[in-house]
Structures are given as structure tokens and as C-alpha cells.
C-alpha atoms as a PDB file:
ATOM      1  CA  MET A   1      49.397  12.721 215.136  1.00  0.00           C
ATOM      2  CA  ALA A   2      51.630   9.689 213.306  1.00  0.00           C
ATOM      3  CA  VAL A   3      51.208   8.061 216.847  1.00  0.00           C
ATOM      4  CA  ARG A   4      47.103   8.631 217.050  1.00  0.00           C
ATOM      5  CA  ASP A   5      47.159   7.375 213.316  1.00  0.00           C
ATOM      6  CA  MET A   6      49.261   4.665 212.946  1.00  0.00           C
ATOM      7  CA  ASP A   7      51.379   3.387 215.377  1.00  0.00           C
ATOM      8  CA  ILE A   8      53.524   1.029 213.127  1.00  0.00           C
ATOM      9  CA  ALA A   9      55.078   3.804 211.579  1.00  0.00           C
ATOM     10  CA  ALA A  10      55.192   5.875 214.065  1.00  0.00           C
ATOM     11  CA  GLU A  11      57.482   3.350 215.488  1.00  0.00           C
ATOM     12  CA  ALA A  12      59.409   2.974 211.851  1.00  0.00           C
ATOM     13  CA  MET A  13      60.292   6.743 212.162  1.00  0.00           C
ATOM     14  CA  GLY A  14      61.583   6.286 215.153  1.00  0.00           C
ATOM     15  CA  LEU A  15      59.095   7.549 217.884  1.00  0.00           C
ATOM     16  CA  SER A  16      57.945   5.160 221.242  1.00  0.00           C
ATOM     17  CA  PRO A  17      54.406   5.326 221.269  1.00  0.00           C
ATOM     18  CA  LEU A  18      54.114   4.369 225.011  1.00  0.00           C
ATOM     19  CA  ARG A  19      56.277   7.060 225.810  1.00  0.00           C
ATOM     20  CA  THR A  20      54.369   9.350 223.302  1.00  0.00           C
ATOM     21  CA  LYS A  21      50.740   8.156 224.694  1.00  0.00           C
ATOM     22  CA  LEU A  22      52.006   8.601 228.242  1.00  0.00           C
ATOM     23  CA  GLN A  23      53.443  12.378 227.637  1.00  0.00           C
ATOM     24  CA  ALA A  24      49.612  12.968 226.040  1.00  0.00           C
ATOM     25  CA  PHE A  25      48.310  11.637 228.876  1.00  0.00           C
ATOM     26  CA  ALA A  26      50.554  13.619 230.874  1.00  0.00           C
ATOM     27  CA  VAL A  27      49.170  16.520 229.414  1.00  0.00           C
ATOM     28  CA  SER A  28      45.845  16.599 228.917  1.00  0.00           C
ATOM     29  CA  SER A  29      45.533  15.416 232.671  1.00  0.00           C
ATOM     30  CA  PHE A  30      47.321  18.527 233.355  1.00  0.00           C
ATOM     31  CA  TYR A  31      44.549  20.767 231.309  1.00  0.00           C
ATOM     32  CA  CYS A  32      41.544  18.962 232.836  1.00  0.00           C
ATOM     33  CA  GLY A  33      43.299  19.218 236.395  1.00  0.00           C
ATOM     34  CA  VAL A  34      43.712  23.003 235.841  1.00  0.00           C
ATOM     35  CA  GLY A  35      40.229  23.170 234.395  1.00  0.00           C
ATOM     36  CA  GLY A  36      38.978  21.602 236.941  1.00  0.00           C
ATOM     37  CA  ALA A  37      40.717  24.051 239.770  1.00  0.00           C
ATOM     38  CA  LEU A  38      39.475  27.468 237.703  1.00  0.00           C
ATOM     39  CA  PHE A  39      35.781  25.523 237.411  1.00  0.00           C
ATOM     40  CA  ALA A  40      36.054  25.632 241.184  1.00  0.00           C
ATOM     41  CA  PHE A  41      37.316  29.001 241.968  1.00  0.00           C
ATOM     42  CA  ALA A  42      35.928  30.787 238.994  1.00  0.00           C
ATOM     43  CA  TYR A  43      32.353  29.511 239.321  1.00  0.00           C
ATOM     44  CA  LEU A  44      31.797  27.521 242.715  1.00  0.00           C
ATOM     45  CA  GLN A  45      34.037  29.913 244.476  1.00  0.00           C
ATOM     46  CA  THR A  46      34.719  26.989 247.013  1.00  0.00           C
ATOM     47  CA  VAL A  47      36.418  23.168 246.450  1.00  0.00           C
ATOM     48  CA  GLU A  48      34.405  20.818 248.762  1.00  0.00           C
ATOM     49  CA  PRO A  49      33.558  17.353 246.751  1.00  0.00           C
ATOM     50  CA  SER A  50      29.807  17.638 247.171  1.00  0.00           C
ATOM     51  CA  ALA A  51      29.882  20.652 244.128  1.00  0.00           C
ATOM     52  CA  PHE A  52      31.778  17.433 242.024  1.00  0.00           C
ATOM     53  CA  ASN A  53      28.841  14.899 241.452  1.00  0.00           C
ATOM     54  CA  ILE A  54      27.627  12.033 239.766  1.00  0.00           C
ATOM     55  CA  ASP A  55      25.143  14.435 237.748  1.00  0.00           C
ATOM     56  CA  LEU A  56      27.763  16.488 236.859  1.00  0.00           C
ATOM     57  CA  SER A  57      29.833  13.533 235.444  1.00  0.00           C
ATOM     58  CA  PHE A  58      27.307  13.067 233.464  1.00  0.00           C
ATOM     59  CA  ARG A  59      26.290  16.236 232.003  1.00  0.00           C
ATOM     60  CA  ILE A  60      29.934  16.996 230.940  1.00  0.00           C
ATOM     61  CA  LEU A  61      29.783  13.408 229.516  1.00  0.00           C
ATOM     62  CA  PHE A  62      26.248  14.149 227.753  1.00  0.00           C
ATOM     63  CA  MET A  63      28.562  17.154 226.273  1.00  0.00           C
ATOM     64  CA  VAL A  64      30.967  15.518 224.503  1.00  0.00           C
ATOM     65  CA  ILE A  65      28.797  12.582 223.088  1.00  0.00           C
ATOM     66  CA  ILE A  66      26.445  14.904 221.681  1.00  0.00           C
ATOM     67  CA  GLY A  67      28.941  17.608 220.540  1.00  0.00           C
ATOM     68  CA  TRP A  68      31.341  15.116 219.171  1.00  0.00           C
ATOM     69  CA  LEU A  69      34.370  14.170 220.827  1.00  0.00           C
ATOM     70  CA  GLY A  70      36.964  15.587 217.904  1.00  0.00           C
ATOM     71  CA  THR A  71      36.307  19.140 217.600  1.00  0.00           C
ATOM     72  CA  ILE A  72      36.050  22.008 219.119  1.00  0.00           C
ATOM     73  CA  VAL A  73      32.477  23.682 217.337  1.00  0.00           C
ATOM     74  CA  GLY A  74      31.477  20.461 219.079  1.00  0.00           C
ATOM     75  CA  SER A  75      32.332  20.728 222.239  1.00  0.00           C
ATOM     76  CA  PHE A  76      30.467  24.110 222.021  1.00  0.00           C
ATOM     77  CA  LEU A  77      27.207  22.989 220.486  1.00  0.00           C
ATOM     78  CA  GLY A  78      27.133  20.199 223.311  1.00  0.00           C
ATOM     79  CA  THR A  79      27.484  22.561 226.153  1.00  0.00           C
ATOM     80  CA  GLY A  80      24.955  24.777 224.572  1.00  0.00           C
ATOM     81  CA  PHE A  81      22.611  22.140 223.830  1.00  0.00           C
ATOM     82  CA  ILE A  82      23.392  20.546 227.667  1.00  0.00           C
ATOM     83  CA  LEU A  83      22.718  23.494 229.246  1.00  0.00           C
ATOM     84  CA  LEU A  84      19.833  25.093 226.536  1.00  0.00           C
ATOM     85  CA  MET A  85      17.432  22.521 225.787  1.00  0.00           C
ATOM     86  CA  PRO A  86      16.141  21.847 230.041  1.00  0.00           C
ATOM     87  CA  ILE A  87      15.404  25.581 230.072  1.00  0.00           C
ATOM     88  CA  PHE A  88      13.380  25.926 226.766  1.00  0.00           C
ATOM     89  CA  LEU A  89      11.725  22.405 228.063  1.00  0.00           C
ATOM     90  CA  ASN A  90      10.914  24.390 230.917  1.00  0.00           C
ATOM     91  CA  VAL A  91       9.384  27.210 229.114  1.00  0.00           C
ATOM     92  CA  PHE A  92       7.566  24.387 226.347  1.00  0.00           C
ATOM     93  CA  PHE A  93       5.952  22.882 229.607  1.00  0.00           C
ATOM     94  CA  HIS A  94       5.006  26.076 230.983  1.00  0.00           C
ATOM     95  CA  ALA A  95       3.157  27.096 228.128  1.00  0.00           C
ATOM     96  CA  VAL A  96       1.298  24.116 227.540  1.00  0.00           C
ATOM     97  CA  PHE A  97       0.224  23.602 230.536  1.00  0.00           C
ATOM     98  CA  GLY A  98       0.329  26.356 232.572  1.00  0.00           C
ATOM     99  CA  GLN A  99       0.857  26.125 236.188  1.00  0.00           C
ATOM    100  CA  ALA A 100      -1.194  23.290 236.133  1.00  0.00           C
ATOM    101  CA  VAL A 101       1.409  20.465 236.714  1.00  0.00           C
ATOM    102  CA  ASP A 102       3.838  20.379 239.198  1.00  0.00           C
ATOM    103  CA  ALA A 103       6.707  20.994 239.180  1.00  0.00           C
ATOM    104  CA  ALA A 104       8.535  17.648 240.288  1.00  0.00           C
ATOM    105  CA  ILE A 105       6.696  15.883 237.160  1.00  0.00           C
ATOM    106  CA  ILE A 106       7.962  18.462 234.519  1.00  0.00           C
ATOM    107  CA  SER A 107      11.300  17.914 235.682  1.00  0.00           C
ATOM    108  CA  ALA A 108      10.613  13.938 235.750  1.00  0.00           C
ATOM    109  CA  LEU A 109       9.664  15.075 231.788  1.00  0.00           C
ATOM    110  CA  GLU A 110      12.585  16.945 230.954  1.00  0.00           C
ATOM    111  CA  GLN A 111      14.728  13.455 231.996  1.00  0.00           C
ATOM    112  CA  VAL A 112      12.845  11.674 230.021  1.00  0.00           C
ATOM    113  CA  ILE A 113      12.403  13.909 227.292  1.00  0.00           C
ATOM    114  CA  PHE A 114      16.897  14.451 227.809  1.00  0.00           C
ATOM    115  CA  GLY A 115      17.415  10.564 227.948  1.00  0.00           C
ATOM    116  CA  VAL A 116      15.405  10.478 225.003  1.00  0.00           C
ATOM    117  CA  LEU A 117      17.485  12.579 222.700  1.00  0.00           C
ATOM    118  CA  ILE A 118      20.883  11.338 223.537  1.00  0.00           C
ATOM    119  CA  ILE A 119      19.927   7.417 222.755  1.00  0.00           C
ATOM    120  CA  LEU A 120      19.134   9.307 219.482  1.00  0.00           C
ATOM    121  CA  PHE A 121      21.674  10.991 219.500  1.00  0.00           C
ATOM    122  CA  LEU A 122      23.535   8.353 219.906  1.00  0.00           C
ATOM    123  CA  ILE A 123      21.987   5.944 217.569  1.00  0.00           C
ATOM    124  CA  PHE A 124      20.993   8.076 214.020  1.00  0.00           C
ATOM    125  CA  GLU A 125      24.177  10.669 214.573  1.00  0.00           C
ATOM    126  CA  PRO A 126      26.698   9.489 216.262  1.00  0.00           C
ATOM    127  CA  LEU A 127      29.262  12.150 214.939  1.00  0.00           C
ATOM    128  CA  GLY A 128      27.033  14.461 216.862  1.00  0.00           C
ATOM    129  CA  LEU A 129      26.019  18.212 216.470  1.00  0.00           C
ATOM    130  CA  ALA A 130      29.263  19.377 214.860  1.00  0.00           C
ATOM    131  CA  ARG A 131      28.729  16.533 212.255  1.00  0.00           C
ATOM    132  CA  ILE A 132      25.001  18.505 211.540  1.00  0.00           C
ATOM    133  CA  TRP A 133      26.888  21.996 211.423  1.00  0.00           C
ATOM    134  CA  LEU A 134      29.521  20.939 209.020  1.00  0.00           C
ATOM    135  CA  MET A 135      26.698  18.832 206.909  1.00  0.00           C
ATOM    136  CA  THR A 136      24.727  22.055 206.817  1.00  0.00           C
ATOM    137  CA  LYS A 137      26.857  24.660 205.786  1.00  0.00           C
ATOM    138  CA  GLU A 138      28.257  22.233 203.139  1.00  0.00           C
ATOM    139  CA  ARG A 139      24.947  22.192 201.961  1.00  0.00           C
ATOM    140  CA  LEU A 140      24.334  25.840 202.282  1.00  0.00           C
ATOM    141  CA  ARG A 141      27.902  26.463 200.382  1.00  0.00           C
ATOM    142  CA  LEU A 142      26.583  24.397 197.505  1.00  0.00           C
ATOM    143  CA  TRP A 143      23.483  25.407 197.783  1.00  0.00           C
ATOM    144  CA  PRO A 144      21.923  26.424 194.317  1.00  0.00           C
ATOM    145  CA  PHE A 145      23.803  23.590 192.632  1.00  0.00           C
ATOM    146  CA  LYS A 146      23.745  20.143 193.077  1.00  0.00           C
ATOM    147  CA  HIS A 147      27.385  19.354 192.715  1.00  0.00           C
END
């Protein structure tokens, strides 16, 4: 925590910031590797390069952006948003337009709406869904009173 918050103070305490950052990178890389292996084994049940395409990489990146980078709640909220939003949009389009609209058009509209929502999150709420959740919890905790 000292290296993350203030490098100079950590160095004054006798910690090597370079060594500590390299260790943190190595440990996080280890956990990412284990997570990727578990994803390949448990979910895909195969390991092939075509399973890890650029679309999957962008989905994971958007989960982090929308959720909020530094929180566990944000990772769950971002994942839920990324996985459930296309389903809700698909149900909405079928309820409004019925079967008259081609599936390719609905898929393209889902991607456009999804991209616009990500841009709006980056502009108006850069701290993500976790920040909205924390603010809502705080307002509900103090709800009847203003102070």
C-alpha cells in the first residue's frame, strides 16, 4: 500500500519500489494465468487460440471500465451489465418490433446501443456502476434526513 500511495515514503521506509512493483506484477500475472486456465478448462473445455479472440478481450475490458477498476462489487456489476444488457436489449427489440425485424439488424443495434452506453459511462460516470451503487447505498442509509 505504501508503494501504491507514495513511492518516496515507501523508499524512505526501506522498501524497494521497483522490486515491490515487479513482485505485484508477477503475482497478478500468476492469478491471471490461473484464471485463464480455469476459464479454458471449466467453461470452454478446450484450449485453442480461436476461443480467445479480440471480442472476448474487449468484453473483459468493458467489464472493468463499467464496473469500476478498484472494487470487487464493481467487477460483479460490470460483468452483470456486460452479460445481461444484450439479453435485455434482445428481449426489448422482440417485444417492440416482433419477428418482423431481421436478427442481423437487431444485433447491429445492440452493438451500437452498447457502445453508446459505454461512452456515456466514460463521460458521465467514470467511476462506474460501483460508484453509483455506493452513492445509492449512502442516500438510502440517510434517506429520511438530509444530514
